[in-house]
Amino acid sequence: MTYKPGHKIQAIHIIMVADEQDGTEGIMAFMDPLTRHWMPLVASDHIRLEQIYRSAEIICRQFGKEFRVLKFTDRQDVTDQIKETFKK
């Protein structure tokens, strides 16, 4: 996808799953077979949202789970606070 100059992320969507036993929520992820790292299902544009939604449908169908799509829109730059936290 090509971004216009000055484009800024206004919202992110995540695919959320909950543990049926205790209600604990988490971001759905899949294991990347090349890097063997977990890749969370997160999107910041409509094209990626459709991709992660389709992936979530396949994964949940396979495991008999349900998922929710959550949208987060409160943009805050917390870089300085995080730098301080991890400096120690």
N, C-alpha and C. Protein backbone atom coordinates (compact mmCIF):
# COMPACT_ATOMS: atom_id res chain seq x y z
N MET A 1 0.84 -1.18 0.00
CA MET A 1 0.00 0.00 0.00
C MET A 1 0.88 1.23 0.00
N THR A 2 0.51 2.23 -0.76
CA THR A 2 1.26 3.47 -0.82
C THR A 2 0.58 4.49 0.08
N TYR A 3 1.37 5.17 0.87
CA TYR A 3 0.84 6.19 1.75
C TYR A 3 1.06 7.56 1.15
N LYS A 4 0.10 8.46 1.38
CA LYS A 4 0.25 9.84 0.94
C LYS A 4 1.23 10.53 1.87
N PRO A 5 1.98 11.51 1.36
CA PRO A 5 2.86 12.27 2.26
C PRO A 5 2.05 12.88 3.40
N GLY A 6 2.60 12.79 4.59
CA GLY A 6 1.92 13.34 5.75
C GLY A 6 0.89 12.42 6.38
N HIS A 7 0.71 11.21 5.82
CA HIS A 7 -0.27 10.27 6.39
C HIS A 7 0.13 9.91 7.81
N LYS A 8 -0.83 9.94 8.71
CA LYS A 8 -0.59 9.54 10.10
C LYS A 8 -1.61 8.50 10.51
N ILE A 9 -1.18 7.56 11.30
CA ILE A 9 -2.08 6.53 11.81
C ILE A 9 -3.04 7.18 12.79
N GLN A 10 -4.33 7.01 12.53
CA GLN A 10 -5.37 7.58 13.39
C GLN A 10 -6.01 6.53 14.29
N ALA A 11 -5.89 5.26 13.89
CA ALA A 11 -6.51 4.19 14.68
C ALA A 11 -5.79 2.88 14.36
N ILE A 12 -5.83 1.96 15.31
CA ILE A 12 -5.36 0.60 15.04
C ILE A 12 -6.49 -0.35 15.42
N HIS A 13 -6.53 -1.45 14.73
CA HIS A 13 -7.48 -2.51 15.03
C HIS A 13 -6.68 -3.74 15.45
N ILE A 14 -7.20 -4.45 16.42
CA ILE A 14 -6.57 -5.70 16.83
C ILE A 14 -7.63 -6.80 16.81
N ILE A 15 -7.15 -8.02 16.66
CA ILE A 15 -8.02 -9.19 16.80
C ILE A 15 -7.79 -9.71 18.22
N MET A 16 -8.86 -9.72 19.00
CA MET A 16 -8.78 -10.10 20.40
C MET A 16 -9.49 -11.44 20.62
N VAL A 17 -8.87 -12.27 21.43
CA VAL A 17 -9.50 -13.51 21.86
C VAL A 17 -9.51 -13.52 23.39
N ALA A 18 -10.49 -14.20 23.95
CA ALA A 18 -10.60 -14.28 25.40
C ALA A 18 -10.57 -15.74 25.84
N ASP A 19 -9.93 -15.97 26.97
CA ASP A 19 -9.91 -17.30 27.58
C ASP A 19 -11.29 -17.58 28.14
N GLU A 20 -11.88 -18.71 27.74
CA GLU A 20 -13.24 -19.03 28.19
C GLU A 20 -13.32 -19.29 29.68
N GLN A 21 -12.23 -19.73 30.29
CA GLN A 21 -12.25 -20.07 31.71
C GLN A 21 -12.30 -18.83 32.60
N ASP A 22 -11.38 -17.87 32.36
CA ASP A 22 -11.29 -16.72 33.27
C ASP A 22 -11.54 -15.37 32.60
N GLY A 23 -11.80 -15.36 31.29
CA GLY A 23 -12.09 -14.10 30.60
C GLY A 23 -10.88 -13.26 30.26
N THR A 24 -9.67 -13.77 30.53
CA THR A 24 -8.46 -13.03 30.20
C THR A 24 -8.40 -12.78 28.71
N GLU A 25 -8.10 -11.52 28.32
CA GLU A 25 -8.03 -11.16 26.92
C GLU A 25 -6.59 -11.11 26.43
N GLY A 26 -6.42 -11.38 25.13
CA GLY A 26 -5.10 -11.27 24.51
C GLY A 26 -5.24 -10.96 23.03
N ILE A 27 -4.17 -10.49 22.44
CA ILE A 27 -4.15 -10.22 21.01
C ILE A 27 -3.81 -11.52 20.29
N MET A 28 -4.66 -11.90 19.34
CA MET A 28 -4.41 -13.12 18.57
C MET A 28 -3.11 -12.94 17.76
N ALA A 29 -2.34 -14.00 17.67
CA ALA A 29 -1.07 -13.96 16.93
C ALA A 29 -0.86 -15.31 16.25
N PHE A 30 0.05 -15.31 15.30
CA PHE A 30 0.43 -16.56 14.65
C PHE A 30 1.95 -16.63 14.60
N MET A 31 2.47 -17.85 14.51
CA MET A 31 3.92 -18.05 14.47
C MET A 31 4.40 -17.91 13.03
N ASP A 32 5.29 -16.94 12.80
CA ASP A 32 5.88 -16.77 11.47
C ASP A 32 6.83 -17.94 11.24
N PRO A 33 6.62 -18.75 10.20
CA PRO A 33 7.45 -19.94 10.01
C PRO A 33 8.90 -19.63 9.65
N LEU A 34 9.16 -18.44 9.10
CA LEU A 34 10.54 -18.10 8.74
C LEU A 34 11.34 -17.59 9.93
N THR A 35 10.74 -16.68 10.70
CA THR A 35 11.48 -16.08 11.82
C THR A 35 11.23 -16.79 13.14
N ARG A 36 10.17 -17.60 13.19
CA ARG A 36 9.74 -18.28 14.41
C ARG A 36 9.42 -17.28 15.53
N HIS A 37 8.94 -16.11 15.13
CA HIS A 37 8.47 -15.09 16.08
C HIS A 37 6.95 -15.02 15.99
N TRP A 38 6.34 -14.65 17.10
CA TRP A 38 4.89 -14.46 17.11
C TRP A 38 4.56 -13.14 16.44
N MET A 39 3.59 -13.15 15.54
CA MET A 39 3.16 -11.96 14.81
C MET A 39 1.72 -11.64 15.23
N PRO A 40 1.52 -10.55 15.98
CA PRO A 40 0.17 -10.20 16.43
C PRO A 40 -0.69 -9.71 15.26
N LEU A 41 -1.97 -9.98 15.34
CA LEU A 41 -2.90 -9.53 14.31
C LEU A 41 -3.35 -8.11 14.64
N VAL A 42 -2.61 -7.15 14.08
CA VAL A 42 -2.82 -5.72 14.29
C VAL A 42 -2.81 -5.04 12.94
N ALA A 43 -3.71 -4.07 12.74
CA ALA A 43 -3.79 -3.36 11.46
C ALA A 43 -4.00 -1.87 11.69
N SER A 44 -3.42 -1.06 10.80
CA SER A 44 -3.62 0.38 10.88
C SER A 44 -4.26 0.95 9.61
N ASP A 45 -4.69 0.07 8.71
CA ASP A 45 -5.41 0.52 7.51
C ASP A 45 -6.41 -0.56 7.10
N HIS A 46 -7.31 -0.17 6.22
CA HIS A 46 -8.42 -1.06 5.84
C HIS A 46 -7.93 -2.34 5.13
N ILE A 47 -6.91 -2.22 4.31
CA ILE A 47 -6.40 -3.40 3.58
C ILE A 47 -5.85 -4.43 4.57
N ARG A 48 -5.03 -3.98 5.51
CA ARG A 48 -4.48 -4.90 6.51
C ARG A 48 -5.58 -5.45 7.41
N LEU A 49 -6.57 -4.62 7.72
CA LEU A 49 -7.67 -5.09 8.56
C LEU A 49 -8.38 -6.26 7.91
N GLU A 50 -8.65 -6.16 6.63
CA GLU A 50 -9.30 -7.28 5.94
C GLU A 50 -8.42 -8.52 5.99
N GLN A 51 -7.10 -8.35 5.81
CA GLN A 51 -6.18 -9.49 5.84
C GLN A 51 -6.18 -10.18 7.20
N ILE A 52 -6.07 -9.40 8.27
CA ILE A 52 -6.01 -10.03 9.59
C ILE A 52 -7.36 -10.61 9.97
N TYR A 53 -8.45 -9.99 9.51
CA TYR A 53 -9.79 -10.53 9.78
C TYR A 53 -9.93 -11.91 9.14
N ARG A 54 -9.51 -12.03 7.89
CA ARG A 54 -9.59 -13.33 7.20
C ARG A 54 -8.72 -14.37 7.91
N SER A 55 -7.53 -13.97 8.34
CA SER A 55 -6.65 -14.89 9.06
C SER A 55 -7.30 -15.35 10.37
N ALA A 56 -7.91 -14.42 11.08
CA ALA A 56 -8.56 -14.75 12.35
C ALA A 56 -9.71 -15.73 12.12
N GLU A 57 -10.46 -15.53 11.05
CA GLU A 57 -11.55 -16.46 10.74
C GLU A 57 -11.02 -17.88 10.56
N ILE A 58 -9.95 -18.02 9.82
CA ILE A 58 -9.36 -19.35 9.55
C ILE A 58 -8.85 -19.98 10.85
N ILE A 59 -8.10 -19.20 11.62
CA ILE A 59 -7.52 -19.72 12.86
C ILE A 59 -8.62 -20.13 13.84
N CYS A 60 -9.61 -19.28 14.02
CA CYS A 60 -10.67 -19.57 14.99
C CYS A 60 -11.55 -20.73 14.55
N ARG A 61 -11.79 -20.85 13.27
CA ARG A 61 -12.57 -21.99 12.77
C ARG A 61 -11.83 -23.29 13.11
N GLN A 62 -10.51 -23.27 12.95
CA GLN A 62 -9.69 -24.45 13.20
C GLN A 62 -9.73 -24.87 14.67
N PHE A 63 -9.77 -23.89 15.58
CA PHE A 63 -9.70 -24.19 17.01
C PHE A 63 -11.04 -24.03 17.73
N GLY A 64 -12.10 -23.73 16.99
CA GLY A 64 -13.41 -23.59 17.61
C GLY A 64 -13.50 -22.43 18.57
N LYS A 65 -12.82 -21.34 18.26
CA LYS A 65 -12.81 -20.16 19.12
C LYS A 65 -13.56 -19.02 18.44
N GLU A 66 -13.90 -18.01 19.23
CA GLU A 66 -14.49 -16.79 18.71
C GLU A 66 -13.52 -15.65 18.93
N PHE A 67 -13.62 -14.62 18.10
CA PHE A 67 -12.75 -13.47 18.25
C PHE A 67 -13.56 -12.18 18.14
N ARG A 68 -12.97 -11.10 18.59
CA ARG A 68 -13.56 -9.77 18.50
C ARG A 68 -12.55 -8.86 17.80
N VAL A 69 -13.06 -7.86 17.10
CA VAL A 69 -12.20 -6.84 16.48
C VAL A 69 -12.34 -5.58 17.33
N LEU A 70 -11.23 -5.10 17.87
CA LEU A 70 -11.24 -3.90 18.70
C LEU A 70 -10.52 -2.77 17.98
N LYS A 71 -11.07 -1.57 18.09
CA LYS A 71 -10.48 -0.39 17.47
C LYS A 71 -10.00 0.56 18.56
N PHE A 72 -8.75 1.00 18.46
CA PHE A 72 -8.17 1.94 19.41
C PHE A 72 -7.85 3.23 18.68
N THR A 73 -8.31 4.35 19.23
CA THR A 73 -8.16 5.63 18.53
C THR A 73 -7.48 6.71 19.35
N ASP A 74 -7.14 6.47 20.57
CA ASP A 74 -6.53 7.50 21.42
C ASP A 74 -5.02 7.53 21.16
N ARG A 75 -4.59 8.38 20.25
CA ARG A 75 -3.18 8.44 19.85
C ARG A 75 -2.40 9.28 20.87
N GLN A 76 -1.39 8.65 21.47
CA GLN A 76 -0.51 9.33 22.41
C GLN A 76 0.91 8.89 22.13
N ASP A 77 1.82 9.85 22.03
CA ASP A 77 3.24 9.52 21.84
C ASP A 77 3.85 9.37 23.23
N VAL A 78 4.19 8.14 23.58
CA VAL A 78 4.75 7.86 24.91
C VAL A 78 6.21 7.42 24.82
N THR A 79 6.86 7.78 23.73
CA THR A 79 8.25 7.36 23.50
C THR A 79 9.16 7.74 24.66
N ASP A 80 9.08 8.99 25.12
CA ASP A 80 9.98 9.44 26.19
C ASP A 80 9.76 8.65 27.48
N GLN A 81 8.50 8.37 27.83
CA GLN A 81 8.23 7.60 29.04
C GLN A 81 8.78 6.18 28.92
N ILE A 82 8.63 5.58 27.74
CA ILE A 82 9.11 4.22 27.53
C ILE A 82 10.63 4.19 27.59
N LYS A 83 11.28 5.17 26.98
CA LYS A 83 12.75 5.23 27.03
C LYS A 83 13.22 5.25 28.48
N GLU A 84 12.58 6.05 29.29
CA GLU A 84 12.96 6.15 30.70
C GLU A 84 12.73 4.83 31.42
N THR A 85 11.64 4.16 31.12
CA THR A 85 11.32 2.89 31.77
C THR A 85 12.38 1.84 31.45
N PHE A 86 12.81 1.77 30.20
CA PHE A 86 13.74 0.72 29.78
C PHE A 86 15.20 1.13 29.94
N LYS A 87 15.47 2.34 30.35
CA LYS A 87 16.83 2.81 30.58
C LYS A 87 17.49 2.09 31.75
N LYS A 88 16.67 1.77 32.73
CA LYS A 88 17.16 1.21 34.00
C LYS A 88 17.76 -0.15 33.85
